[in-house]
Amino acid sequence: MKRNFNIHDLRIFYTVVMTGSTRQAAQAMHLTQPAVSHAISRLEAATGVLLFDRSHKTLRPTEAGQYLYSCLLYTSDAADE
């Protein structure tokens, strides 16, 4: 069953990619670490793919995660114009 996500979840995802950890993203966004982890889980459930490689100390985006991140960058750049 796919769960919905929202724009806030995408902002959290972006921050996790930028910081490399859910803990640092939580601090930067004034959230709890579990709230950040749940947002990532919602995105992964909605897309049906893993967005992060969790086998390293820092979270690294998978190919799908990198694609989503690049889409967010493109969207952000287009919104700034």
Protein backbone atom coordinates (compact mmCIF):
# COMPACT_ATOMS: atom_id res chain seq x y z
CA MET A 1 0.00 0.00 0.00
CA LYS A 2 1.47 3.32 -1.04
CA ARG A 3 1.38 6.20 1.38
CA ASN A 4 1.11 9.85 0.43
CA PHE A 5 3.86 12.36 0.95
CA ASN A 6 3.92 16.15 0.90
CA ILE A 7 6.20 19.05 0.02
CA HIS A 8 7.60 19.06 3.57
CA ASP A 9 8.79 15.46 3.07
CA LEU A 10 10.61 16.58 -0.08
CA ARG A 11 12.28 19.41 1.83
CA ILE A 12 13.38 16.90 4.46
CA PHE A 13 14.74 14.58 1.77
CA TYR A 14 16.68 17.48 0.24
CA THR A 15 18.17 18.38 3.63
CA VAL A 16 19.17 14.78 4.35
CA VAL A 17 21.00 14.64 1.01
CA MET A 18 22.74 17.94 1.75
CA THR A 19 23.80 16.96 5.29
CA GLY A 20 24.37 13.23 4.78
CA SER A 21 22.48 12.23 7.92
CA THR A 22 19.02 12.20 9.40
CA ARG A 23 20.38 13.55 12.69
CA GLN A 24 21.97 16.61 11.09
CA ALA A 25 18.93 17.19 8.90
CA ALA A 26 16.71 17.04 11.99
CA GLN A 27 18.88 19.61 13.75
CA ALA A 28 18.91 21.91 10.71
CA MET A 29 15.12 21.73 10.35
CA HIS A 30 14.30 21.80 14.08
CA LEU A 31 12.69 18.36 13.93
CA THR A 32 13.25 15.10 15.74
CA GLN A 33 15.33 12.40 14.08
CA PRO A 34 12.35 9.97 14.03
CA ALA A 35 10.24 12.60 12.21
CA VAL A 36 12.94 12.86 9.53
CA SER A 37 13.18 9.06 9.23
CA HIS A 38 9.39 8.78 8.88
CA ALA A 39 9.37 11.40 6.11
CA ILE A 40 12.00 9.43 4.19
CA SER A 41 10.00 6.24 4.74
CA ARG A 42 6.86 7.93 3.35
CA LEU A 43 8.76 8.98 0.23
CA GLU A 44 10.20 5.49 -0.24
CA ALA A 45 6.78 3.89 0.25
CA ALA A 46 5.15 6.30 -2.20
CA THR A 47 7.81 5.84 -4.87
CA GLY A 48 8.41 2.15 -4.29
CA VAL A 49 12.19 2.56 -4.35
CA LEU A 50 14.98 3.02 -1.83
CA LEU A 51 16.24 6.59 -1.90
CA PHE A 52 19.32 6.09 0.29
CA ASP A 53 22.10 3.55 0.58
CA ARG A 54 22.22 2.90 4.30
CA SER A 55 25.34 0.71 4.26
CA HIS A 56 27.70 3.61 5.02
CA LYS A 57 28.05 5.88 8.03
CA THR A 58 26.68 8.78 6.01
CA LEU A 59 23.53 8.32 3.98
CA ARG A 60 24.22 8.36 0.27
CA PRO A 61 21.43 8.70 -2.27
CA THR A 62 20.81 5.71 -4.50
CA GLU A 63 20.46 6.26 -8.24
CA ALA A 64 16.73 6.90 -7.68
CA GLY A 65 17.53 9.23 -4.79
CA GLN A 66 20.02 11.15 -6.91
CA TYR A 67 17.41 11.48 -9.66
CA LEU A 68 14.83 12.84 -7.19
CA TYR A 69 17.42 15.25 -5.78
CA SER A 70 18.29 16.53 -9.27
CA CYS A 71 14.57 17.04 -9.98
CA LEU A 72 14.24 19.04 -6.79
CA LEU A 73 17.24 21.18 -7.75
CA TYR A 74 15.77 21.78 -11.21
CA THR A 75 12.39 22.69 -9.73
CA SER A 76 14.01 25.02 -7.21
CA ASP A 77 16.07 26.73 -9.92
CA ALA A 78 12.98 27.15 -12.13
CA ALA A 79 11.00 28.63 -9.24
CA ASP A 80 13.77 31.16 -8.60
CA GLU A 81 13.55 32.50 -12.14
